[in-house]
mmCIF file of all heavy atoms, coordinates in Angstrom:
data_MODEL
# 
_entry.id   MODEL 
# 
loop_
_atom_site.group_PDB 
_atom_site.id 
_atom_site.type_symbol 
_atom_site.label_atom_id 
_atom_site.label_alt_id 
_atom_site.label_comp_id 
_atom_site.label_asym_id 
_atom_site.label_entity_id 
_atom_site.label_seq_id 
_atom_site.pdbx_PDB_ins_code 
_atom_site.Cartn_x 
_atom_site.Cartn_y 
_atom_site.Cartn_z 
_atom_site.occupancy 
_atom_site.B_iso_or_equiv 
_atom_site.pdbx_formal_charge 
_atom_site.auth_seq_id 
_atom_site.auth_comp_id 
_atom_site.auth_asym_id 
_atom_site.auth_atom_id 
_atom_site.pdbx_PDB_model_num 
ATOM 1   N N   . PHE A 1 1  ? -3.118  -1.883 -1.022 1.00 0.00 ? 1  PHE A N   1 
ATOM 2   C CA  . PHE A 1 1  ? -3.991  -0.719 -0.972 1.00 0.00 ? 1  PHE A CA  1 
ATOM 3   C C   . PHE A 1 1  ? -5.271  -1.130 -0.265 1.00 0.00 ? 1  PHE A C   1 
ATOM 4   O O   . PHE A 1 1  ? -5.561  -2.320 -0.128 1.00 0.00 ? 1  PHE A O   1 
ATOM 5   C CB  . PHE A 1 1  ? -4.305  -0.219 -2.389 1.00 0.00 ? 1  PHE A CB  1 
ATOM 6   C CG  . PHE A 1 1  ? -3.118  0.377  -3.093 1.00 0.00 ? 1  PHE A CG  1 
ATOM 7   C CD1 . PHE A 1 1  ? -2.124  -0.428 -3.645 1.00 0.00 ? 1  PHE A CD1 1 
ATOM 8   C CD2 . PHE A 1 1  ? -2.980  1.751  -3.207 1.00 0.00 ? 1  PHE A CD2 1 
ATOM 9   C CE1 . PHE A 1 1  ? -1.024  0.115  -4.291 1.00 0.00 ? 1  PHE A CE1 1 
ATOM 10  C CE2 . PHE A 1 1  ? -1.890  2.306  -3.850 1.00 0.00 ? 1  PHE A CE2 1 
ATOM 11  C CZ  . PHE A 1 1  ? -0.913  1.490  -4.384 1.00 0.00 ? 1  PHE A CZ  1 
ATOM 12  N N   . ARG A 1 2  ? -6.041  -0.152 0.175  1.00 0.00 ? 2  ARG A N   1 
ATOM 13  C CA  . ARG A 1 2  ? -7.324  -0.475 0.784  1.00 0.00 ? 2  ARG A CA  1 
ATOM 14  C C   . ARG A 1 2  ? -8.363  0.548  0.373  1.00 0.00 ? 2  ARG A C   1 
ATOM 15  O O   . ARG A 1 2  ? -8.039  1.685  0.025  1.00 0.00 ? 2  ARG A O   1 
ATOM 16  C CB  . ARG A 1 2  ? -7.206  -0.529 2.308  1.00 0.00 ? 2  ARG A CB  1 
ATOM 17  C CG  . ARG A 1 2  ? -6.914  0.803  2.972  1.00 0.00 ? 2  ARG A CG  1 
ATOM 18  C CD  . ARG A 1 2  ? -6.713  0.603  4.481  1.00 0.00 ? 2  ARG A CD  1 
ATOM 19  N NE  . ARG A 1 2  ? -6.481  1.876  5.161  1.00 0.00 ? 2  ARG A NE  1 
ATOM 20  C CZ  . ARG A 1 2  ? -6.207  1.980  6.459  1.00 0.00 ? 2  ARG A CZ  1 
ATOM 21  N NH1 . ARG A 1 2  ? -6.126  0.887  7.225  1.00 0.00 ? 2  ARG A NH1 1 
ATOM 22  N NH2 . ARG A 1 2  ? -6.023  3.173  6.999  1.00 0.00 ? 2  ARG A NH2 1 
ATOM 23  N N   . GLN A 1 3  ? -9.608  0.100  0.413  1.00 0.00 ? 3  GLN A N   1 
ATOM 24  C CA  . GLN A 1 3  ? -10.709 0.985  0.066  1.00 0.00 ? 3  GLN A CA  1 
ATOM 25  C C   . GLN A 1 3  ? -11.865 0.742  1.014  1.00 0.00 ? 3  GLN A C   1 
ATOM 26  O O   . GLN A 1 3  ? -12.407 -0.375 1.063  1.00 0.00 ? 3  GLN A O   1 
ATOM 27  C CB  . GLN A 1 3  ? -11.151 0.782  -1.380 1.00 0.00 ? 3  GLN A CB  1 
ATOM 28  C CG  . GLN A 1 3  ? -12.164 1.804  -1.844 1.00 0.00 ? 3  GLN A CG  1 
ATOM 29  C CD  . GLN A 1 3  ? -12.330 1.812  -3.347 1.00 0.00 ? 3  GLN A CD  1 
ATOM 30  O OE1 . GLN A 1 3  ? -11.984 0.856  -4.040 1.00 0.00 ? 3  GLN A OE1 1 
ATOM 31  N NE2 . GLN A 1 3  ? -12.862 2.905  -3.877 1.00 0.00 ? 3  GLN A NE2 1 
ATOM 32  N N   . ALA A 1 4  ? -12.216 1.774  1.753  1.00 0.00 ? 4  ALA A N   1 
ATOM 33  C CA  . ALA A 1 4  ? -13.353 1.714  2.658  1.00 0.00 ? 4  ALA A CA  1 
ATOM 34  C C   . ALA A 1 4  ? -14.602 2.195  1.921  1.00 0.00 ? 4  ALA A C   1 
ATOM 35  O O   . ALA A 1 4  ? -14.498 2.933  0.933  1.00 0.00 ? 4  ALA A O   1 
ATOM 36  C CB  . ALA A 1 4  ? -13.091 2.583  3.880  1.00 0.00 ? 4  ALA A CB  1 
ATOM 37  N N   . PRO A 1 5  ? -15.781 1.806  2.383  1.00 0.00 ? 5  PRO A N   1 
ATOM 38  C CA  . PRO A 1 5  ? -17.018 2.235  1.713  1.00 0.00 ? 5  PRO A CA  1 
ATOM 39  C C   . PRO A 1 5  ? -17.107 3.750  1.607  1.00 0.00 ? 5  PRO A C   1 
ATOM 40  O O   . PRO A 1 5  ? -16.904 4.461  2.597  1.00 0.00 ? 5  PRO A O   1 
ATOM 41  C CB  . PRO A 1 5  ? -18.114 1.674  2.627  1.00 0.00 ? 5  PRO A CB  1 
ATOM 42  C CG  . PRO A 1 5  ? -17.481 0.511  3.295  1.00 0.00 ? 5  PRO A CG  1 
ATOM 43  C CD  . PRO A 1 5  ? -16.044 0.894  3.502  1.00 0.00 ? 5  PRO A CD  1 
ATOM 44  N N   . GLY A 1 6  ? -17.385 4.226  0.413  1.00 0.00 ? 6  GLY A N   1 
ATOM 45  C CA  . GLY A 1 6  ? -17.544 5.651  0.204  1.00 0.00 ? 6  GLY A CA  1 
ATOM 46  C C   . GLY A 1 6  ? -16.265 6.445  0.150  1.00 0.00 ? 6  GLY A C   1 
ATOM 47  O O   . GLY A 1 6  ? -16.291 7.676  0.063  1.00 0.00 ? 6  GLY A O   1 
ATOM 48  N N   . LYS A 1 7  ? -15.139 5.757  0.194  1.00 0.00 ? 7  LYS A N   1 
ATOM 49  C CA  . LYS A 1 7  ? -13.845 6.443  0.166  1.00 0.00 ? 7  LYS A CA  1 
ATOM 50  C C   . LYS A 1 7  ? -13.022 5.979  -1.018 1.00 0.00 ? 7  LYS A C   1 
ATOM 51  O O   . LYS A 1 7  ? -13.260 4.925  -1.603 1.00 0.00 ? 7  LYS A O   1 
ATOM 52  C CB  . LYS A 1 7  ? -13.082 6.193  1.469  1.00 0.00 ? 7  LYS A CB  1 
ATOM 53  C CG  . LYS A 1 7  ? -13.753 6.793  2.700  1.00 0.00 ? 7  LYS A CG  1 
ATOM 54  C CD  . LYS A 1 7  ? -12.857 6.654  3.912  1.00 0.00 ? 7  LYS A CD  1 
ATOM 55  C CE  . LYS A 1 7  ? -13.481 7.314  5.135  1.00 0.00 ? 7  LYS A CE  1 
ATOM 56  N NZ  . LYS A 1 7  ? -12.601 7.219  6.337  1.00 0.00 ? 7  LYS A NZ  1 
ATOM 57  N N   . GLU A 1 8  ? -12.015 6.778  -1.355 1.00 0.00 ? 8  GLU A N   1 
ATOM 58  C CA  . GLU A 1 8  ? -11.128 6.412  -2.443 1.00 0.00 ? 8  GLU A CA  1 
ATOM 59  C C   . GLU A 1 8  ? -10.135 5.349  -1.969 1.00 0.00 ? 8  GLU A C   1 
ATOM 60  O O   . GLU A 1 8  ? -9.843  5.221  -0.780 1.00 0.00 ? 8  GLU A O   1 
ATOM 61  C CB  . GLU A 1 8  ? -10.368 7.643  -2.940 1.00 0.00 ? 8  GLU A CB  1 
ATOM 62  C CG  . GLU A 1 8  ? -11.256 8.694  -3.587 1.00 0.00 ? 8  GLU A CG  1 
ATOM 63  C CD  . GLU A 1 8  ? -10.445 9.810  -4.211 1.00 0.00 ? 8  GLU A CD  1 
ATOM 64  O OE1 . GLU A 1 8  ? -9.214  9.842  -4.018 1.00 0.00 ? 8  GLU A OE1 1 
ATOM 65  O OE2 . GLU A 1 8  ? -11.047 10.660 -4.885 1.00 0.00 ? 8  GLU A OE2 1 
ATOM 66  N N   . ARG A 1 9  ? -9.617  4.619  -2.940 1.00 0.00 ? 9  ARG A N   1 
ATOM 67  C CA  . ARG A 1 9  ? -8.590  3.635  -2.629 1.00 0.00 ? 9  ARG A CA  1 
ATOM 68  C C   . ARG A 1 9  ? -7.342  4.366  -2.139 1.00 0.00 ? 9  ARG A C   1 
ATOM 69  O O   . ARG A 1 9  ? -6.945  5.375  -2.717 1.00 0.00 ? 9  ARG A O   1 
ATOM 70  C CB  . ARG A 1 9  ? -8.268  2.815  -3.866 1.00 0.00 ? 9  ARG A CB  1 
ATOM 71  C CG  . ARG A 1 9  ? -7.360  1.645  -3.622 1.00 0.00 ? 9  ARG A CG  1 
ATOM 72  C CD  . ARG A 1 9  ? -7.287  0.761  -4.851 1.00 0.00 ? 9  ARG A CD  1 
ATOM 73  N NE  . ARG A 1 9  ? -8.578  0.175  -5.159 1.00 0.00 ? 9  ARG A NE  1 
ATOM 74  C CZ  . ARG A 1 9  ? -8.763  -0.731 -6.131 1.00 0.00 ? 9  ARG A CZ  1 
ATOM 75  N NH1 . ARG A 1 9  ? -7.734  -1.128 -6.868 1.00 0.00 ? 9  ARG A NH1 1 
ATOM 76  N NH2 . ARG A 1 9  ? -9.957  -1.221 -6.361 1.00 0.00 ? 9  ARG A NH2 1 
ATOM 77  N N   . GLU A 1 10 ? -6.737  3.842  -1.060 1.00 0.00 ? 10 GLU A N   1 
ATOM 78  C CA  . GLU A 1 10 ? -5.564  4.493  -0.513 1.00 0.00 ? 10 GLU A CA  1 
ATOM 79  C C   . GLU A 1 10 ? -4.408  3.514  -0.358 1.00 0.00 ? 10 GLU A C   1 
ATOM 80  O O   . GLU A 1 10 ? -4.596  2.317  -0.132 1.00 0.00 ? 10 GLU A O   1 
ATOM 81  C CB  . GLU A 1 10 ? -5.864  5.145  0.843  1.00 0.00 ? 10 GLU A CB  1 
ATOM 82  C CG  . GLU A 1 10 ? -6.199  4.185  1.959  1.00 0.00 ? 10 GLU A CG  1 
ATOM 83  C CD  . GLU A 1 10 ? -6.272  4.864  3.316  1.00 0.00 ? 10 GLU A CD  1 
ATOM 84  O OE1 . GLU A 1 10 ? -5.799  6.005  3.461  1.00 0.00 ? 10 GLU A OE1 1 
ATOM 85  O OE2 . GLU A 1 10 ? -6.792  4.210  4.247  1.00 0.00 ? 10 GLU A OE2 1 
ATOM 86  N N   . PHE A 1 11 ? -3.222  4.050  -0.469 1.00 0.00 ? 11 PHE A N   1 
ATOM 87  C CA  . PHE A 1 11 ? -1.998  3.276  -0.314 1.00 0.00 ? 11 PHE A CA  1 
ATOM 88  C C   . PHE A 1 11 ? -1.822  2.855  1.137  1.00 0.00 ? 11 PHE A C   1 
ATOM 89  O O   . PHE A 1 11 ? -2.088  3.631  2.046  1.00 0.00 ? 11 PHE A O   1 
ATOM 90  C CB  . PHE A 1 11 ? -0.809  4.122  -0.765 1.00 0.00 ? 11 PHE A CB  1 
ATOM 91  C CG  . PHE A 1 11 ? 0.541   3.544  -0.413 1.00 0.00 ? 11 PHE A CG  1 
ATOM 92  C CD1 . PHE A 1 11 ? 1.008   2.422  -1.080 1.00 0.00 ? 11 PHE A CD1 1 
ATOM 93  C CD2 . PHE A 1 11 ? 1.320   4.122  0.573  1.00 0.00 ? 11 PHE A CD2 1 
ATOM 94  C CE1 . PHE A 1 11 ? 2.246   1.894  -0.772 1.00 0.00 ? 11 PHE A CE1 1 
ATOM 95  C CE2 . PHE A 1 11 ? 2.557   3.605  0.887  1.00 0.00 ? 11 PHE A CE2 1 
ATOM 96  C CZ  . PHE A 1 11 ? 3.017   2.485  0.220  1.00 0.00 ? 11 PHE A CZ  1 
ATOM 97  N N   . VAL A 1 12 ? -1.352  1.606  1.322  1.00 0.00 ? 12 VAL A N   1 
ATOM 98  C CA  . VAL A 1 12 ? -1.077  1.111  2.660  1.00 0.00 ? 12 VAL A CA  1 
ATOM 99  C C   . VAL A 1 12 ? 0.415   0.825  2.827  1.00 0.00 ? 12 VAL A C   1 
ATOM 100 O O   . VAL A 1 12 ? 1.054   1.363  3.723  1.00 0.00 ? 12 VAL A O   1 
ATOM 101 C CB  . VAL A 1 12 ? -1.893  -0.163 2.956  1.00 0.00 ? 12 VAL A CB  1 
ATOM 102 C CG1 . VAL A 1 12 ? -1.529  -0.713 4.334  1.00 0.00 ? 12 VAL A CG1 1 
ATOM 103 C CG2 . VAL A 1 12 ? -3.387  0.123  2.868  1.00 0.00 ? 12 VAL A CG2 1 
ATOM 104 N N   . ALA A 1 13 ? 0.953   -0.016 1.950  1.00 0.00 ? 13 ALA A N   1 
ATOM 105 C CA  . ALA A 1 13 ? 2.362   -0.388 2.064  1.00 0.00 ? 13 ALA A CA  1 
ATOM 106 C C   . ALA A 1 13 ? 2.820   -1.018 0.756  1.00 0.00 ? 13 ALA A C   1 
ATOM 107 O O   . ALA A 1 13 ? 1.997   -1.495 -0.027 1.00 0.00 ? 13 ALA A O   1 
ATOM 108 C CB  . ALA A 1 13 ? 2.591   -1.355 3.223  1.00 0.00 ? 13 ALA A CB  1 
ATOM 109 N N   . ALA A 1 14 ? 4.134   -1.010 0.532  1.00 0.00 ? 14 ALA A N   1 
ATOM 110 C CA  . ALA A 1 14 ? 4.687   -1.611 -0.679 1.00 0.00 ? 14 ALA A CA  1 
ATOM 111 C C   . ALA A 1 14 ? 6.099   -2.096 -0.410 1.00 0.00 ? 14 ALA A C   1 
ATOM 112 O O   . ALA A 1 14 ? 6.766   -1.658 0.548  1.00 0.00 ? 14 ALA A O   1 
ATOM 113 C CB  . ALA A 1 14 ? 4.672   -0.610 -1.834 1.00 0.00 ? 14 ALA A CB  1 
ATOM 114 N N   . VAL A 1 15 ? 6.565   -2.987 -1.282 1.00 0.00 ? 15 VAL A N   1 
ATOM 115 C CA  . VAL A 1 15 ? 7.874   -3.585 -1.112 1.00 0.00 ? 15 VAL A CA  1 
ATOM 116 C C   . VAL A 1 15 ? 8.519   -3.786 -2.473 1.00 0.00 ? 15 VAL A C   1 
ATOM 117 O O   . VAL A 1 15 ? 7.836   -4.060 -3.463 1.00 0.00 ? 15 VAL A O   1 
ATOM 118 C CB  . VAL A 1 15 ? 7.763   -4.928 -0.341 1.00 0.00 ? 15 VAL A CB  1 
ATOM 119 C CG1 . VAL A 1 15 ? 6.909   -5.932 -1.106 1.00 0.00 ? 15 VAL A CG1 1 
ATOM 120 C CG2 . VAL A 1 15 ? 9.127   -5.514 -0.014 1.00 0.00 ? 15 VAL A CG2 1 
ATOM 121 N N   . ASN A 1 16 ? 9.852   -3.644 -2.508 1.00 0.00 ? 16 ASN A N   1 
ATOM 122 C CA  . ASN A 1 16 ? 10.531  -3.838 -3.796 1.00 0.00 ? 16 ASN A CA  1 
ATOM 123 C C   . ASN A 1 16 ? 10.768  -5.324 -4.043 1.00 0.00 ? 16 ASN A C   1 
ATOM 124 O O   . ASN A 1 16 ? 10.400  -6.174 -3.224 1.00 0.00 ? 16 ASN A O   1 
ATOM 125 C CB  . ASN A 1 16 ? 11.834  -3.039 -3.847 1.00 0.00 ? 16 ASN A CB  1 
ATOM 126 C CG  . ASN A 1 16 ? 12.949  -3.666 -3.020 1.00 0.00 ? 16 ASN A CG  1 
ATOM 127 O OD1 . ASN A 1 16 ? 12.675  -4.381 -2.056 1.00 0.00 ? 16 ASN A OD1 1 
ATOM 128 N ND2 . ASN A 1 16 ? 14.187  -3.400 -3.390 1.00 0.00 ? 16 ASN A ND2 1 
ATOM 129 N N   . TRP A 1 17 ? 11.434  -5.642 -5.146 1.00 0.00 ? 17 TRP A N   1 
ATOM 130 C CA  . TRP A 1 17 ? 11.566  -7.036 -5.557 1.00 0.00 ? 17 TRP A CA  1 
ATOM 131 C C   . TRP A 1 17 ? 12.363  -7.855 -4.556 1.00 0.00 ? 17 TRP A C   1 
ATOM 132 O O   . TRP A 1 17 ? 12.097  -9.038 -4.352 1.00 0.00 ? 17 TRP A O   1 
ATOM 133 C CB  . TRP A 1 17 ? 12.242  -7.122 -6.926 1.00 0.00 ? 17 TRP A CB  1 
ATOM 134 C CG  . TRP A 1 17 ? 13.688  -6.693 -6.893 1.00 0.00 ? 17 TRP A CG  1 
ATOM 135 C CD1 . TRP A 1 17 ? 14.191  -5.438 -7.032 1.00 0.00 ? 17 TRP A CD1 1 
ATOM 136 C CD2 . TRP A 1 17 ? 14.822  -7.542 -6.662 1.00 0.00 ? 17 TRP A CD2 1 
ATOM 137 N NE1 . TRP A 1 17 ? 15.545  -5.446 -6.908 1.00 0.00 ? 17 TRP A NE1 1 
ATOM 138 C CE2 . TRP A 1 17 ? 15.971  -6.717 -6.687 1.00 0.00 ? 17 TRP A CE2 1 
ATOM 139 C CE3 . TRP A 1 17 ? 14.977  -8.916 -6.448 1.00 0.00 ? 17 TRP A CE3 1 
ATOM 140 C CZ2 . TRP A 1 17 ? 17.257  -7.234 -6.506 1.00 0.00 ? 17 TRP A CZ2 1 
ATOM 141 C CZ3 . TRP A 1 17 ? 16.255  -9.424 -6.264 1.00 0.00 ? 17 TRP A CZ3 1 
ATOM 142 C CH2 . TRP A 1 17 ? 17.374  -8.574 -6.298 1.00 0.00 ? 17 TRP A CH2 1 
ATOM 143 N N   . SER A 1 18 ? 13.331  -7.231 -3.879 1.00 0.00 ? 18 SER A N   1 
ATOM 144 C CA  . SER A 1 18 ? 14.196  -7.980 -2.968 1.00 0.00 ? 18 SER A CA  1 
ATOM 145 C C   . SER A 1 18 ? 13.613  -8.092 -1.565 1.00 0.00 ? 18 SER A C   1 
ATOM 146 O O   . SER A 1 18 ? 14.054  -8.918 -0.776 1.00 0.00 ? 18 SER A O   1 
ATOM 147 C CB  . SER A 1 18 ? 15.563  -7.310 -2.886 1.00 0.00 ? 18 SER A CB  1 
ATOM 148 O OG  . SER A 1 18 ? 15.457  -6.059 -2.216 1.00 0.00 ? 18 SER A OG  1 
ATOM 149 N N   . GLY A 1 19 ? 12.640  -7.245 -1.272 1.00 0.00 ? 19 GLY A N   1 
ATOM 150 C CA  . GLY A 1 19 ? 12.096  -7.210 0.076  1.00 0.00 ? 19 GLY A CA  1 
ATOM 151 C C   . GLY A 1 19 ? 12.854  -6.305 1.006  1.00 0.00 ? 19 GLY A C   1 
ATOM 152 O O   . GLY A 1 19 ? 12.459  -6.126 2.173  1.00 0.00 ? 19 GLY A O   1 
ATOM 153 N N   . LEU A 1 20 ? 13.920  -5.688 0.522  1.00 0.00 ? 20 LEU A N   1 
ATOM 154 C CA  . LEU A 1 20 ? 14.769  -4.881 1.387  1.00 0.00 ? 20 LEU A CA  1 
ATOM 155 C C   . LEU A 1 20 ? 14.304  -3.431 1.487  1.00 0.00 ? 20 LEU A C   1 
ATOM 156 O O   . LEU A 1 20 ? 14.713  -2.704 2.394  1.00 0.00 ? 20 LEU A O   1 
ATOM 157 C CB  . LEU A 1 20 ? 16.219  -4.926 0.887  1.00 0.00 ? 20 LEU A CB  1 
ATOM 158 C CG  . LEU A 1 20 ? 16.872  -6.303 0.927  1.00 0.00 ? 20 LEU A CG  1 
ATOM 159 C CD1 . LEU A 1 20 ? 18.296  -6.229 0.393  1.00 0.00 ? 20 LEU A CD1 1 
ATOM 160 C CD2 . LEU A 1 20 ? 16.860  -6.872 2.341  1.00 0.00 ? 20 LEU A CD2 1 
ATOM 161 N N   . THR A 1 21 ? 13.501  -3.012 0.539  1.00 0.00 ? 21 THR A N   1 
ATOM 162 C CA  . THR A 1 21 ? 12.989  -1.637 0.555  1.00 0.00 ? 21 THR A CA  1 
ATOM 163 C C   . THR A 1 21 ? 11.478  -1.671 0.709  1.00 0.00 ? 21 THR A C   1 
ATOM 164 O O   . THR A 1 21 ? 10.796  -2.329 -0.078 1.00 0.00 ? 21 THR A O   1 
ATOM 165 C CB  . THR A 1 21 ? 13.351  -0.888 -0.736 1.00 0.00 ? 21 THR A CB  1 
ATOM 166 O OG1 . THR A 1 21 ? 14.781  -0.821 -0.859 1.00 0.00 ? 21 THR A OG1 1 
ATOM 167 C CG2 . THR A 1 21 ? 12.787  0.526  -0.725 1.00 0.00 ? 21 THR A CG2 1 
ATOM 168 N N   . THR A 1 22 ? 10.989  -0.987 1.722  1.00 0.00 ? 22 THR A N   1 
ATOM 169 C CA  . THR A 1 22 ? 9.551   -0.947 1.958  1.00 0.00 ? 22 THR A CA  1 
ATOM 170 C C   . THR A 1 22 ? 9.081   0.497  2.156  1.00 0.00 ? 22 THR A C   1 
ATOM 171 O O   . THR A 1 22 ? 9.872   1.376  2.535  1.00 0.00 ? 22 THR A O   1 
ATOM 172 C CB  . THR A 1 22 ? 9.153   -1.760 3.198  1.00 0.00 ? 22 THR A CB  1 
ATOM 173 O OG1 . THR A 1 22 ? 9.790   -1.199 4.355  1.00 0.00 ? 22 THR A OG1 1 
ATOM 174 C CG2 . THR A 1 22 ? 9.567   -3.221 3.049  1.00 0.00 ? 22 THR A CG2 1 
ATOM 175 N N   . TYR A 1 23 ? 7.825   0.706  1.866  1.00 0.00 ? 23 TYR A N   1 
ATOM 176 C CA  . TYR A 1 23 ? 7.171   1.987  2.094  1.00 0.00 ? 23 TYR A CA  1 
ATOM 177 C C   . TYR A 1 23 ? 5.872   1.713  2.839  1.00 0.00 ? 23 TYR A C   1 
ATOM 178 O O   . TYR A 1 23 ? 5.170   0.749  2.536  1.00 0.00 ? 23 TYR A O   1 
ATOM 179 C CB  . TYR A 1 23 ? 6.869   2.693  0.775  1.00 0.00 ? 23 TYR A CB  1 
ATOM 180 C CG  . TYR A 1 23 ? 8.106   3.060  -0.019 1.00 0.00 ? 23 TYR A CG  1 
ATOM 181 C CD1 . TYR A 1 23 ? 8.687   2.149  -0.898 1.00 0.00 ? 23 TYR A CD1 1 
ATOM 182 C CD2 . TYR A 1 23 ? 8.706   4.304  0.120  1.00 0.00 ? 23 TYR A CD2 1 
ATOM 183 C CE1 . TYR A 1 23 ? 9.819   2.466  -1.623 1.00 0.00 ? 23 TYR A CE1 1 
ATOM 184 C CE2 . TYR A 1 23 ? 9.847   4.634  -0.602 1.00 0.00 ? 23 TYR A CE2 1 
ATOM 185 C CZ  . TYR A 1 23 ? 10.397  3.711  -1.456 1.00 0.00 ? 23 TYR A CZ  1 
ATOM 186 O OH  . TYR A 1 23 ? 11.529  4.039  -2.180 1.00 0.00 ? 23 TYR A OH  1 
ATOM 187 N N   . THR A 1 24 ? 5.552   2.549  3.798  1.00 0.00 ? 24 THR A N   1 
ATOM 188 C CA  . THR A 1 24 ? 4.349   2.365  4.598  1.00 0.00 ? 24 THR A CA  1 
ATOM 189 C C   . THR A 1 24 ? 3.664   3.707  4.783  1.00 0.00 ? 24 THR A C   1 
ATOM 190 O O   . THR A 1 24 ? 4.316   4.716  5.046  1.00 0.00 ? 24 THR A O   1 
ATOM 191 C CB  . THR A 1 24 ? 4.688   1.774  5.971  1.00 0.00 ? 24 THR A CB  1 
ATOM 192 O OG1 . THR A 1 24 ? 5.463   0.579  5.799  1.00 0.00 ? 24 THR A OG1 1 
ATOM 193 C CG2 . THR A 1 24 ? 3.434   1.429  6.747  1.00 0.00 ? 24 THR A CG2 1 
# 
């Protein structure tokens, strides 16, 4: 996740336990 000054935290990317499923 990332958070810029003055902004809410936002999702960037994620991965499951095996590494085979990702979200961006």
